[in-house]
All heavy atoms as atom14 arrays in JSON, in Angstrom:
{
  "sequence": "RLDARPVHPKALDDTDPLHAARAAEVTSLWRLAPK",
  "atom14_mask": [
    [1, 1, 1, 1, 1, 1, 1, 1, 1, 1, 1, 0, 0, 0],
    [1, 1, 1, 1, 1, 1, 1, 1, 0, 0, 0, 0, 0, 0],
    [1, 1, 1, 1, 1, 1, 1, 1, 0, 0, 0, 0, 0, 0],
    [1, 1, 1, 1, 1, 0, 0, 0, 0, 0, 0, 0, 0, 0],
    [1, 1, 1, 1, 1, 1, 1, 1, 1, 1, 1, 0, 0, 0],
    [1, 1, 1, 1, 1, 1, 1, 0, 0, 0, 0, 0, 0, 0],
    [1, 1, 1, 1, 1, 1, 1, 0, 0, 0, 0, 0, 0, 0],
    [1, 1, 1, 1, 1, 1, 1, 1, 1, 1, 0, 0, 0, 0],
    [1, 1, 1, 1, 1, 1, 1, 0, 0, 0, 0, 0, 0, 0],
    [1, 1, 1, 1, 1, 1, 1, 1, 1, 0, 0, 0, 0, 0],
    [1, 1, 1, 1, 1, 0, 0, 0, 0, 0, 0, 0, 0, 0],
    [1, 1, 1, 1, 1, 1, 1, 1, 0, 0, 0, 0, 0, 0],
    [1, 1, 1, 1, 1, 1, 1, 1, 0, 0, 0, 0, 0, 0],
    [1, 1, 1, 1, 1, 1, 1, 1, 0, 0, 0, 0, 0, 0],
    [1, 1, 1, 1, 1, 1, 1, 0, 0, 0, 0, 0, 0, 0],
    [1, 1, 1, 1, 1, 1, 1, 1, 0, 0, 0, 0, 0, 0],
    [1, 1, 1, 1, 1, 1, 1, 0, 0, 0, 0, 0, 0, 0],
    [1, 1, 1, 1, 1, 1, 1, 1, 0, 0, 0, 0, 0, 0],
    [1, 1, 1, 1, 1, 1, 1, 1, 1, 1, 0, 0, 0, 0],
    [1, 1, 1, 1, 1, 0, 0, 0, 0, 0, 0, 0, 0, 0],
    [1, 1, 1, 1, 1, 0, 0, 0, 0, 0, 0, 0, 0, 0],
    [1, 1, 1, 1, 1, 1, 1, 1, 1, 1, 1, 0, 0, 0],
    [1, 1, 1, 1, 1, 0, 0, 0, 0, 0, 0, 0, 0, 0],
    [1, 1, 1, 1, 1, 0, 0, 0, 0, 0, 0, 0, 0, 0],
    [1, 1, 1, 1, 1, 1, 1, 1, 1, 0, 0, 0, 0, 0],
    [1, 1, 1, 1, 1, 1, 1, 0, 0, 0, 0, 0, 0, 0],
    [1, 1, 1, 1, 1, 1, 1, 0, 0, 0, 0, 0, 0, 0],
    [1, 1, 1, 1, 1, 1, 0, 0, 0, 0, 0, 0, 0, 0],
    [1, 1, 1, 1, 1, 1, 1, 1, 0, 0, 0, 0, 0, 0],
    [1, 1, 1, 1, 1, 1, 1, 1, 1, 1, 1, 1, 1, 1],
    [1, 1, 1, 1, 1, 1, 1, 1, 1, 1, 1, 0, 0, 0],
    [1, 1, 1, 1, 1, 1, 1, 1, 0, 0, 0, 0, 0, 0],
    [1, 1, 1, 1, 1, 0, 0, 0, 0, 0, 0, 0, 0, 0],
    [1, 1, 1, 1, 1, 1, 1, 0, 0, 0, 0, 0, 0, 0],
    [1, 1, 1, 1, 1, 1, 1, 1, 1, 0, 0, 0, 0, 0]
  ],
  "atom14_positions": [
    [[-23.97, -42.43, -88.27], [-24.62, -43.71, -88.61], [-23.73, -44.85, -88.16], [-22.52, -44.83, -88.37], [-24.86, -43.79, -90.11], [-25.83, -44.87, -90.52], [-26.01, -44.91, -92.03], [-24.97, -45.73, -92.64], [-24.8, -45.85, -93.96], [-25.58, -45.16, -94.79], [-23.85, -46.6, -94.45], [0.0, 0.0, 0.0], [0.0, 0.0, 0.0], [0.0, 0.0, 0.0]],
    [[-24.35, -45.84, -87.52], [-23.65, -47.06, -87.13], [-24.22, -48.21, -87.96], [-25.43, -48.31, -88.13], [-23.83, -47.36, -85.65], [-23.02, -46.53, -84.64], [-23.57, -45.11, -84.55], [-23.06, -47.2, -83.26], [0.0, 0.0, 0.0], [0.0, 0.0, 0.0], [0.0, 0.0, 0.0], [0.0, 0.0, 0.0], [0.0, 0.0, 0.0], [0.0, 0.0, 0.0]],
    [[-23.37, -49.07, -88.47], [-23.8, -50.17, -89.33], [-23.46, -51.52, -88.71], [-22.49, -51.65, -87.94], [-23.12, -50.09, -90.7], [-23.5, -48.84, -91.47], [-24.61, -48.32, -91.24], [-22.69, -48.39, -92.3], [0.0, 0.0, 0.0], [0.0, 0.0, 0.0], [0.0, 0.0, 0.0], [0.0, 0.0, 0.0], [0.0, 0.0, 0.0], [0.0, 0.0, 0.0]],
    [[-24.27, -52.52, -89.05], [-24.02, -53.89, -88.6], [-24.39, -54.84, -89.73], [-25.42, -54.67, -90.39], [-24.83, -54.21, -87.35], [0.0, 0.0, 0.0], [0.0, 0.0, 0.0], [0.0, 0.0, 0.0], [0.0, 0.0, 0.0], [0.0, 0.0, 0.0], [0.0, 0.0, 0.0], [0.0, 0.0, 0.0], [0.0, 0.0, 0.0], [0.0, 0.0, 0.0]],
    [[-23.55, -55.83, -89.93], [-23.83, -56.86, -90.93], [-24.75, -57.91, -90.34], [-24.75, -58.15, -89.13], [-22.53, -57.52, -91.39], [-21.51, -56.56, -91.97], [-21.93, -56.02, -93.31], [-22.16, -57.08, -94.29], [-22.49, -56.85, -95.56], [-22.63, -55.6, -95.99], [-22.7, -57.85, -96.39], [0.0, 0.0, 0.0], [0.0, 0.0, 0.0], [0.0, 0.0, 0.0]],
    [[-25.54, -58.58, -91.17], [-26.46, -59.6, -90.65], [-25.71, -60.83, -90.15], [-24.66, -61.19, -90.69], [-27.33, -59.94, -91.86], [-26.47, -59.62, -93.04], [-25.65, -58.43, -92.63], [0.0, 0.0, 0.0], [0.0, 0.0, 0.0], [0.0, 0.0, 0.0], [0.0, 0.0, 0.0], [0.0, 0.0, 0.0], [0.0, 0.0, 0.0], [0.0, 0.0, 0.0]],
    [[-26.24, -61.44, -89.12], [-25.65, -62.66, -88.57], [-26.66, -63.8, -88.57], [-26.34, -64.89, -88.11], [-25.13, -62.41, -87.13], [-23.97, -61.43, -87.15], [-26.25, -61.9, -86.24], [0.0, 0.0, 0.0], [0.0, 0.0, 0.0], [0.0, 0.0, 0.0], [0.0, 0.0, 0.0], [0.0, 0.0, 0.0], [0.0, 0.0, 0.0], [0.0, 0.0, 0.0]],
    [[-27.85, -63.57, -89.1], [-28.86, -64.62, -89.08], [-28.57, -65.67, -90.16], [-27.89, -65.38, -91.16], [-30.26, -64.03, -89.28], [-30.4, -63.22, -90.53], [-30.77, -63.76, -91.74], [-30.22, -61.9, -90.76], [-30.82, -62.8, -92.67], [-30.49, -61.67, -92.09], [0.0, 0.0, 0.0], [0.0, 0.0, 0.0], [0.0, 0.0, 0.0], [0.0, 0.0, 0.0]],
    [[-29.05, -66.91, -90.0], [-28.69, -68.01, -90.92], [-29.04, -67.76, -92.37], [-28.33, -68.21, -93.27], [-29.47, -69.21, -90.34], [-29.69, -68.87, -88.91], [-29.86, -67.39, -88.85], [0.0, 0.0, 0.0], [0.0, 0.0, 0.0], [0.0, 0.0, 0.0], [0.0, 0.0, 0.0], [0.0, 0.0, 0.0], [0.0, 0.0, 0.0], [0.0, 0.0, 0.0]],
    [[-30.15, -67.05, -92.66], [-30.56, -66.87, -94.05], [-29.54, -66.08, -94.85], [-29.47, -66.22, -96.08], [-31.92, -66.18, -94.1], [-33.09, -67.1, -93.75], [-34.42, -66.43, -94.02], [-35.57, -67.38, -93.75], [-36.89, -66.75, -94.02], [0.0, 0.0, 0.0], [0.0, 0.0, 0.0], [0.0, 0.0, 0.0], [0.0, 0.0, 0.0], [0.0, 0.0, 0.0]],
    [[-28.75, -65.24, -94.18], [-27.74, -64.47, -94.9], [-26.64, -65.37, -95.45], [-25.9, -64.98, -96.35], [-27.14, -63.41, -93.98], [0.0, 0.0, 0.0], [0.0, 0.0, 0.0], [0.0, 0.0, 0.0], [0.0, 0.0, 0.0], [0.0, 0.0, 0.0], [0.0, 0.0, 0.0], [0.0, 0.0, 0.0], [0.0, 0.0, 0.0], [0.0, 0.0, 0.0]],
    [[-26.53, -66.59, -94.9], [-25.48, -67.52, -95.32], [-26.03, -68.66, -96.18], [-25.25, -69.49, -96.65], [-24.79, -68.11, -94.09], [-24.23, -67.08, -93.08], [-23.67, -67.81, -91.86], [-23.16, -66.23, -93.74], [0.0, 0.0, 0.0], [0.0, 0.0, 0.0], [0.0, 0.0, 0.0], [0.0, 0.0, 0.0], [0.0, 0.0, 0.0], [0.0, 0.0, 0.0]],
    [[-27.34, -68.68, -96.4], [-27.98, -69.77, -97.12], [-28.07, -69.43, -98.61], [-28.94, -68.68, -99.03], [-29.37, -70.03, -96.54], [-30.1, -71.17, -97.22], [-29.46, -71.87, -98.06], [-31.28, -71.39, -96.93], [0.0, 0.0, 0.0], [0.0, 0.0, 0.0], [0.0, 0.0, 0.0], [0.0, 0.0, 0.0], [0.0, 0.0, 0.0], [0.0, 0.0, 0.0]],
    [[-27.16, -69.99, -99.42], [-27.15, -69.64, -100.83], [-28.26, -70.32, -101.62], [-28.4, -70.1, -102.83], [-25.79, -69.93, -101.46], [-25.38, -71.4, -101.33], [-26.21, -72.22, -100.89], [-24.22, -71.71, -101.66], [0.0, 0.0, 0.0], [0.0, 0.0, 0.0], [0.0, 0.0, 0.0], [0.0, 0.0, 0.0], [0.0, 0.0, 0.0], [0.0, 0.0, 0.0]],
    [[-29.07, -71.17, -100.97], [-30.23, -71.77, -101.64], [-31.48, -70.91, -101.47], [-32.49, -71.17, -102.1], [-30.51, -73.18, -101.09], [-30.91, -73.09, -99.71], [-29.28, -74.07, -101.2], [0.0, 0.0, 0.0], [0.0, 0.0, 0.0], [0.0, 0.0, 0.0], [0.0, 0.0, 0.0], [0.0, 0.0, 0.0], [0.0, 0.0, 0.0], [0.0, 0.0, 0.0]],
    [[-31.41, -69.89, -100.61], [-32.55, -69.0, -100.41], [-32.76, -68.16, -101.67], [-31.81, -67.61, -102.22], [-32.27, -68.08, -99.21], [-33.48, -67.25, -98.83], [-33.82, -66.33, -99.6], [-34.07, -67.49, -97.78], [0.0, 0.0, 0.0], [0.0, 0.0, 0.0], [0.0, 0.0, 0.0], [0.0, 0.0, 0.0], [0.0, 0.0, 0.0], [0.0, 0.0, 0.0]],
    [[-34.02, -68.05, -102.15], [-34.27, -67.27, -103.37], [-33.84, -65.81, -103.26], [-33.57, -65.17, -104.27], [-35.79, -67.38, -103.55], [-36.18, -68.61, -102.8], [-35.25, -68.7, -101.65], [0.0, 0.0, 0.0], [0.0, 0.0, 0.0], [0.0, 0.0, 0.0], [0.0, 0.0, 0.0], [0.0, 0.0, 0.0], [0.0, 0.0, 0.0], [0.0, 0.0, 0.0]],
    [[-33.78, -65.29, -102.04], [-33.39, -63.89, -101.84], [-31.99, -63.77, -101.27], [-31.65, -62.77, -100.63], [-34.4, -63.22, -100.9], [-35.88, -63.3, -101.3], [-36.75, -62.59, -100.28], [-36.11, -62.73, -102.7], [0.0, 0.0, 0.0], [0.0, 0.0, 0.0], [0.0, 0.0, 0.0], [0.0, 0.0, 0.0], [0.0, 0.0, 0.0], [0.0, 0.0, 0.0]],
    [[-31.15, -64.79, -101.51], [-29.84, -64.83, -100.87], [-28.98, -63.62, -101.22], [-28.32, -63.04, -100.34], [-29.1, -66.1, -101.27], [-27.66, -66.12, -100.85], [-27.27, -66.2, -99.53], [-26.51, -66.02, -101.56], [-25.96, -66.17, -99.45], [-25.47, -66.06, -100.66], [0.0, 0.0, 0.0], [0.0, 0.0, 0.0], [0.0, 0.0, 0.0], [0.0, 0.0, 0.0]],
    [[-28.98, -63.19, -102.48], [-28.12, -62.08, -102.88], [-28.45, -60.82, -102.09], [-27.55, -60.11, -101.62], [-28.26, -61.82, -104.38], [0.0, 0.0, 0.0], [0.0, 0.0, 0.0], [0.0, 0.0, 0.0], [0.0, 0.0, 0.0], [0.0, 0.0, 0.0], [0.0, 0.0, 0.0], [0.0, 0.0, 0.0], [0.0, 0.0, 0.0], [0.0, 0.0, 0.0]],
    [[-29.74, -60.55, -101.92], [-30.15, -59.36, -101.16], [-29.83, -59.53, -99.68], [-29.35, -58.59, -99.02], [-31.64, -59.1, -101.35], [0.0, 0.0, 0.0], [0.0, 0.0, 0.0], [0.0, 0.0, 0.0], [0.0, 0.0, 0.0], [0.0, 0.0, 0.0], [0.0, 0.0, 0.0], [0.0, 0.0, 0.0], [0.0, 0.0, 0.0], [0.0, 0.0, 0.0]],
    [[-30.09, -60.71, -99.14], [-29.84, -60.93, -97.71], [-28.35, -60.85, -97.4], [-27.94, -60.35, -96.34], [-30.4, -62.28, -97.29], [-31.91, -62.43, -97.42], [-32.37, -63.69, -96.71], [-33.7, -64.11, -97.08], [-34.83, -63.61, -96.59], [-34.78, -62.63, -95.71], [-36.0, -64.08, -96.97], [0.0, 0.0, 0.0], [0.0, 0.0, 0.0], [0.0, 0.0, 0.0]],
    [[-27.51, -61.37, -98.29], [-26.07, -61.37, -98.05], [-25.49, -59.95, -98.1], [-24.5, -59.64, -97.43], [-25.36, -62.25, -99.07], [0.0, 0.0, 0.0], [0.0, 0.0, 0.0], [0.0, 0.0, 0.0], [0.0, 0.0, 0.0], [0.0, 0.0, 0.0], [0.0, 0.0, 0.0], [0.0, 0.0, 0.0], [0.0, 0.0, 0.0], [0.0, 0.0, 0.0]],
    [[-26.12, -59.07, -98.9], [-25.63, -57.69, -99.03], [-26.23, -56.75, -97.98], [-25.79, -55.61, -97.85], [-25.95, -57.17, -100.43], [0.0, 0.0, 0.0], [0.0, 0.0, 0.0], [0.0, 0.0, 0.0], [0.0, 0.0, 0.0], [0.0, 0.0, 0.0], [0.0, 0.0, 0.0], [0.0, 0.0, 0.0], [0.0, 0.0, 0.0], [0.0, 0.0, 0.0]],
    [[-27.2, -57.23, -97.22], [-27.94, -56.38, -96.28], [-27.05, -55.78, -95.2], [-26.14, -56.43, -94.68], [-29.04, -57.22, -95.62], [-29.87, -56.5, -94.58], [-30.81, -57.45, -93.85], [-30.7, -58.67, -94.03], [-31.65, -56.94, -93.09], [0.0, 0.0, 0.0], [0.0, 0.0, 0.0], [0.0, 0.0, 0.0], [0.0, 0.0, 0.0], [0.0, 0.0, 0.0]],
    [[-27.35, -54.53, -94.86], [-26.71, -53.85, -93.74], [-27.81, -53.21, -92.9], [-28.72, -52.57, -93.44], [-25.73, -52.77, -94.22], [-25.2, -51.95, -93.04], [-24.57, -53.39, -94.98], [0.0, 0.0, 0.0], [0.0, 0.0, 0.0], [0.0, 0.0, 0.0], [0.0, 0.0, 0.0], [0.0, 0.0, 0.0], [0.0, 0.0, 0.0], [0.0, 0.0, 0.0]],
    [[-27.75, -53.41, -91.61], [-28.68, -52.74, -90.69], [-27.97, -51.53, -90.08], [-26.84, -51.65, -89.61], [-29.13, -53.7, -89.58], [-29.79, -54.82, -90.16], [-30.09, -52.99, -88.62], [0.0, 0.0, 0.0], [0.0, 0.0, 0.0], [0.0, 0.0, 0.0], [0.0, 0.0, 0.0], [0.0, 0.0, 0.0], [0.0, 0.0, 0.0], [0.0, 0.0, 0.0]],
    [[-28.64, -50.38, -90.13], [-28.01, -49.13, -89.7], [-28.83, -48.45, -88.6], [-30.04, -48.54, -88.59], [-27.85, -48.16, -90.87], [-27.06, -48.73, -91.9], [0.0, 0.0, 0.0], [0.0, 0.0, 0.0], [0.0, 0.0, 0.0], [0.0, 0.0, 0.0], [0.0, 0.0, 0.0], [0.0, 0.0, 0.0], [0.0, 0.0, 0.0], [0.0, 0.0, 0.0]],
    [[-28.12, -47.79, -87.72], [-28.75, -46.88, -86.75], [-28.4, -45.47, -87.19], [-27.22, -45.07, -87.14], [-28.25, -47.16, -85.33], [-28.91, -46.36, -84.2], [-28.89, -47.15, -82.9], [-28.23, -44.99, -83.98], [0.0, 0.0, 0.0], [0.0, 0.0, 0.0], [0.0, 0.0, 0.0], [0.0, 0.0, 0.0], [0.0, 0.0, 0.0], [0.0, 0.0, 0.0]],
    [[-29.4, -44.74, -87.65], [-29.23, -43.37, -88.09], [-29.49, -42.43, -86.91], [-30.57, -42.43, -86.32], [-30.22, -43.05, -89.21], [-30.07, -43.86, -90.45], [-30.46, -45.16, -90.64], [-29.49, -43.44, -91.7], [-30.15, -45.56, -91.91], [-29.57, -44.54, -92.58], [-28.94, -42.23, -92.14], [-29.1, -44.46, -93.89], [-28.47, -42.16, -93.44], [-28.54, -43.26, -94.31]],
    [[-28.5, -41.61, -86.56], [-28.65, -40.61, -85.52], [-29.13, -39.32, -86.17], [-28.39, -38.69, -86.95], [-27.33, -40.4, -84.77], [-26.86, -41.64, -84.0], [-25.5, -41.42, -83.39], [-25.47, -40.2, -82.6], [-24.46, -39.32, -82.63], [-23.42, -39.52, -83.41], [-24.52, -38.23, -81.88], [0.0, 0.0, 0.0], [0.0, 0.0, 0.0], [0.0, 0.0, 0.0]],
    [[-30.35, -38.91, -85.85], [-30.99, -37.78, -86.52], [-31.29, -36.67, -85.53], [-31.54, -36.91, -84.34], [-32.3, -38.25, -87.17], [-32.21, -39.43, -88.14], [-33.6, -39.88, -88.57], [-31.35, -39.09, -89.34], [0.0, 0.0, 0.0], [0.0, 0.0, 0.0], [0.0, 0.0, 0.0], [0.0, 0.0, 0.0], [0.0, 0.0, 0.0], [0.0, 0.0, 0.0]],
    [[-31.31, -35.45, -86.05], [-31.65, -34.28, -85.24], [-32.25, -33.23, -86.16], [-31.98, -33.22, -87.37], [-30.41, -33.72, -84.54], [0.0, 0.0, 0.0], [0.0, 0.0, 0.0], [0.0, 0.0, 0.0], [0.0, 0.0, 0.0], [0.0, 0.0, 0.0], [0.0, 0.0, 0.0], [0.0, 0.0, 0.0], [0.0, 0.0, 0.0], [0.0, 0.0, 0.0]],
    [[-33.07, -32.32, -85.62], [-33.6, -31.24, -86.45], [-32.49, -30.35, -86.97], [-31.44, -30.18, -86.34], [-34.52, -30.46, -85.48], [-34.83, -31.43, -84.39], [-33.61, -32.3, -84.25], [0.0, 0.0, 0.0], [0.0, 0.0, 0.0], [0.0, 0.0, 0.0], [0.0, 0.0, 0.0], [0.0, 0.0, 0.0], [0.0, 0.0, 0.0], [0.0, 0.0, 0.0]],
    [[-32.72, -29.74, -88.15], [-31.72, -28.84, -88.72], [-31.62, -27.56, -87.89], [-32.61, -27.1, -87.32], [-32.11, -28.49, -90.15], [-31.96, -29.66, -91.11], [-32.3, -29.23, -92.52], [-32.12, -30.39, -93.5], [-32.46, -29.98, -94.88], [0.0, 0.0, 0.0], [0.0, 0.0, 0.0], [0.0, 0.0, 0.0], [0.0, 0.0, 0.0], [0.0, 0.0, 0.0]]
  ]
}
């Protein structure tokens, strides 16, 4: 799994009603394969 933190402006806007969730957000690339 590779992770990246958000860089969009809403993640830094503490007046946004969803700021806590946006600031904690992580975008991941999951590498999957059959068992």
